[in-house]
Protein backbone atom coordinates (compact mmCIF):
# COMPACT_ATOMS: atom_id res chain seq x y z
CA MET A 1 -19.36 -11.02 28.06
CA HIS A 2 -19.95 -9.03 24.84
CA SER A 3 -17.24 -7.94 22.43
CA PRO A 4 -16.20 -4.30 22.39
CA ARG A 5 -17.52 -1.91 19.82
CA ARG A 6 -15.19 -1.02 17.03
CA ILE A 7 -14.46 2.36 15.40
CA LEU A 8 -12.57 2.64 12.15
CA LEU A 9 -10.44 5.70 11.48
CA VAL A 10 -9.39 6.27 7.92
CA ASP A 11 -6.99 9.09 7.07
CA ASP A 12 -3.66 9.29 5.18
CA GLU A 13 -2.13 11.61 7.83
CA THR A 14 -0.63 9.48 10.59
CA SER A 15 -0.54 12.34 13.04
CA ILE A 16 -4.43 12.64 12.72
CA LEU A 17 -4.90 8.86 13.11
CA PHE A 18 -2.68 8.95 16.16
CA ALA A 19 -4.45 11.99 17.72
CA PHE A 20 -7.92 10.64 17.11
CA SER A 21 -7.07 7.04 18.23
CA GLN A 22 -5.48 8.28 21.44
CA PHE A 23 -8.44 10.59 22.16
CA LEU A 24 -11.03 7.89 21.51
CA LYS A 25 -9.27 5.10 23.24
CA THR A 26 -11.39 3.96 26.19
CA SER A 27 -12.71 0.76 27.80
CA GLY A 28 -15.17 -1.09 25.64
CA ILE A 29 -13.98 0.50 22.39
CA GLU A 30 -11.55 -1.01 19.90
CA ILE A 31 -9.94 1.46 17.44
CA ASP A 32 -8.62 0.36 14.01
CA THR A 33 -6.78 2.71 11.64
CA ALA A 34 -6.19 2.67 7.89
CA GLU A 35 -4.18 5.09 5.76
CA THR A 36 -5.25 3.74 2.37
CA LEU A 37 -8.36 2.43 0.60
CA PRO A 38 -6.91 -1.21 0.42
CA GLN A 39 -6.12 -1.16 4.17
CA ALA A 40 -9.66 0.22 4.92
CA ASP A 41 -11.20 -2.50 2.64
CA THR A 42 -9.32 -5.28 4.51
CA LEU A 43 -10.46 -4.03 7.91
CA ILE A 44 -14.09 -3.53 6.75
CA GLN A 45 -14.14 -7.10 5.49
CA LYS A 46 -12.64 -8.39 8.75
CA TYR A 47 -14.47 -6.52 11.51
CA GLU A 48 -17.95 -5.13 12.19
CA TYR A 49 -17.91 -1.33 12.89
CA ALA A 50 -20.35 0.72 15.02
CA GLY A 51 -18.61 3.89 13.92
CA ALA A 52 -16.21 5.23 11.38
CA VAL A 53 -14.38 8.49 10.85
CA VAL A 54 -13.27 8.90 7.26
CA ASP A 55 -11.10 11.41 5.39
CA LEU A 56 -12.06 11.97 1.73
CA ARG A 57 -8.56 12.14 0.22
CA LEU A 58 -6.29 9.28 1.11
CA THR A 59 -3.56 9.60 -1.44
CA GLY A 60 -3.01 13.37 -1.42
CA ALA A 61 -4.07 13.36 -5.10
CA THR A 62 -7.29 14.58 -6.58
CA THR A 63 -9.19 11.39 -6.05
CA LEU A 64 -11.75 11.22 -3.29
CA GLU A 65 -11.21 7.65 -2.12
CA GLY A 66 -13.16 8.32 1.10
CA PHE A 67 -16.41 8.22 -0.96
CA LYS A 68 -15.59 4.57 -1.73
CA VAL A 69 -14.79 3.83 1.96
CA VAL A 70 -18.14 5.41 2.96
CA GLN A 71 -19.99 3.28 0.37
CA MET A 72 -18.18 0.11 1.43
CA ILE A 73 -19.07 0.62 5.07
CA ARG A 74 -22.66 1.64 4.35
CA GLU A 75 -23.24 -1.44 2.20
CA ARG A 76 -21.75 -3.86 4.71
CA TYR A 77 -22.91 -2.20 7.98
CA PRO A 78 -26.07 -0.10 7.42
CA ARG A 79 -26.32 0.84 11.05
CA CYS A 80 -22.75 2.18 11.34
CA THR A 81 -22.37 5.87 12.16
CA ILE A 82 -20.11 7.45 9.51
CA VAL A 83 -18.44 10.73 10.19
CA VAL A 84 -16.58 12.34 7.25
CA VAL A 85 -13.74 14.86 7.85
CA THR A 86 -11.99 16.61 5.00
CA ALA A 87 -9.87 19.56 4.18
CA TYR A 88 -11.31 19.70 0.68
CA GLY A 89 -14.88 20.28 1.42
CA GLY A 90 -17.64 22.54 0.34
CA ALA A 91 -21.43 22.55 -0.10
CA GLU A 92 -21.33 20.30 -3.16
CA ILE A 93 -19.05 17.79 -1.54
CA ARG A 94 -21.24 17.79 1.57
CA LYS A 95 -24.31 16.91 -0.57
CA ASP A 96 -22.47 14.16 -2.41
CA ILE A 97 -21.02 12.60 0.78
CA GLU A 98 -24.45 12.57 2.43
CA ARG A 99 -25.98 10.87 -0.70
CA ALA A 100 -23.06 8.30 -0.44
CA GLY A 101 -24.27 7.41 3.11
CA ALA A 102 -22.38 9.51 5.62
CA ASP A 103 -24.15 10.60 8.69
CA CYS A 104 -22.06 13.66 9.56
CA TYR A 105 -19.67 15.93 7.75
CA PHE A 106 -17.01 18.24 9.14
CA GLU A 107 -14.26 20.31 7.45
CA LYS A 108 -10.76 20.16 8.88
CA PRO A 109 -9.58 21.11 11.24
CA VAL A 110 -12.09 19.44 13.51
CA SER A 111 -11.48 18.57 17.17
CA PRO A 112 -11.54 14.90 18.20
CA LYS A 113 -13.95 16.03 20.91
CA VAL A 114 -16.49 17.17 18.36
CA VAL A 115 -16.29 13.78 16.63
CA ARG A 116 -16.51 11.95 20.00
CA ASP A 117 -19.58 14.02 20.82
CA VAL A 118 -21.28 12.94 17.62
CA LEU A 119 -20.38 9.27 18.29
CA GLN A 120 -21.85 9.60 21.83
CA GLU A 121 -25.01 11.18 20.58
CA ARG A 122 -25.46 8.21 18.25
CA GLY A 123 -24.85 5.62 20.90
CA VAL A 124 -21.49 4.46 19.44
CA TYR A 125 -19.25 5.85 22.08
CA PRO A 126 -19.92 5.55 25.85
CA ALA A 127 -21.06 8.70 27.62
């Protein structure tokens, strides 16, 4: 028996973490959530992720900690599908986040279904 695939959700808004985790919960998938950079770092060191959904701003301040999360995941798990969602986007941010290693980029609000579809297309989430 093989272990379930893991998806990491990183966002400082607990309501978004709850909505996405409930929507993505299914057999064969483990969902982990983190609200801060240190929490994300701990999980990234502990588990292997097939997919990640990452917000760029985790403290509500002007720092874009999500970039660091994307870099940490990409360095440790090169095959992980990384989807970035942010309310503070734009063309320049999109280019920067793609250079950092994200596979997909969406501006909030984005439906959990859209994110699930991307994860399905990339073989992370069951069809």
